[in-house]
Amino acid sequence: THLPSDGNNGHTPKKSSESALILIRHGESLWNEKNLFTGCVDVPLTPKGVEEAIEAGKRICNIPIDVIYTSSLIHAQMTAMLAMMQHRHKKIPVITHNESEQAHKWSQIYSEETMK
């Protein structure tokens, strides 16, 4: 008998059925910096937030990723893009969650203090 020389002593390696969910919170936004609530308001990352997103990407750069889900807010999308620029597989599909009409209405509500 001849066994194939595949480095596995003739055994076919089993494919893993395990999956992982990786959660990354967005980097610091302009309103985070001011200690303001940013639930639905679309504000970008601060320079510190950009650094945080890049660091998060470096930490997961070798983990296989099939798809990325992000909200429609710019600080979430910026975080996803900056993190994935660090990944060894650069082309990973990004699915953006479409905000509802109600979420859009909520994003237009703010206090005068937030404008300071």
Foldseek 3Di string as FASTA:
>chain_A
DDADDPVPRNDDDDDDPDDDDDDDDFFAFPVVVVVHDDPLAATAHDPRRLVSLLVLLQVCQAPDDAEAEFEPHHRGVSSVQNSLVSHPPNDHYYHYDDDDPVSVVVNVDDDPVSVD
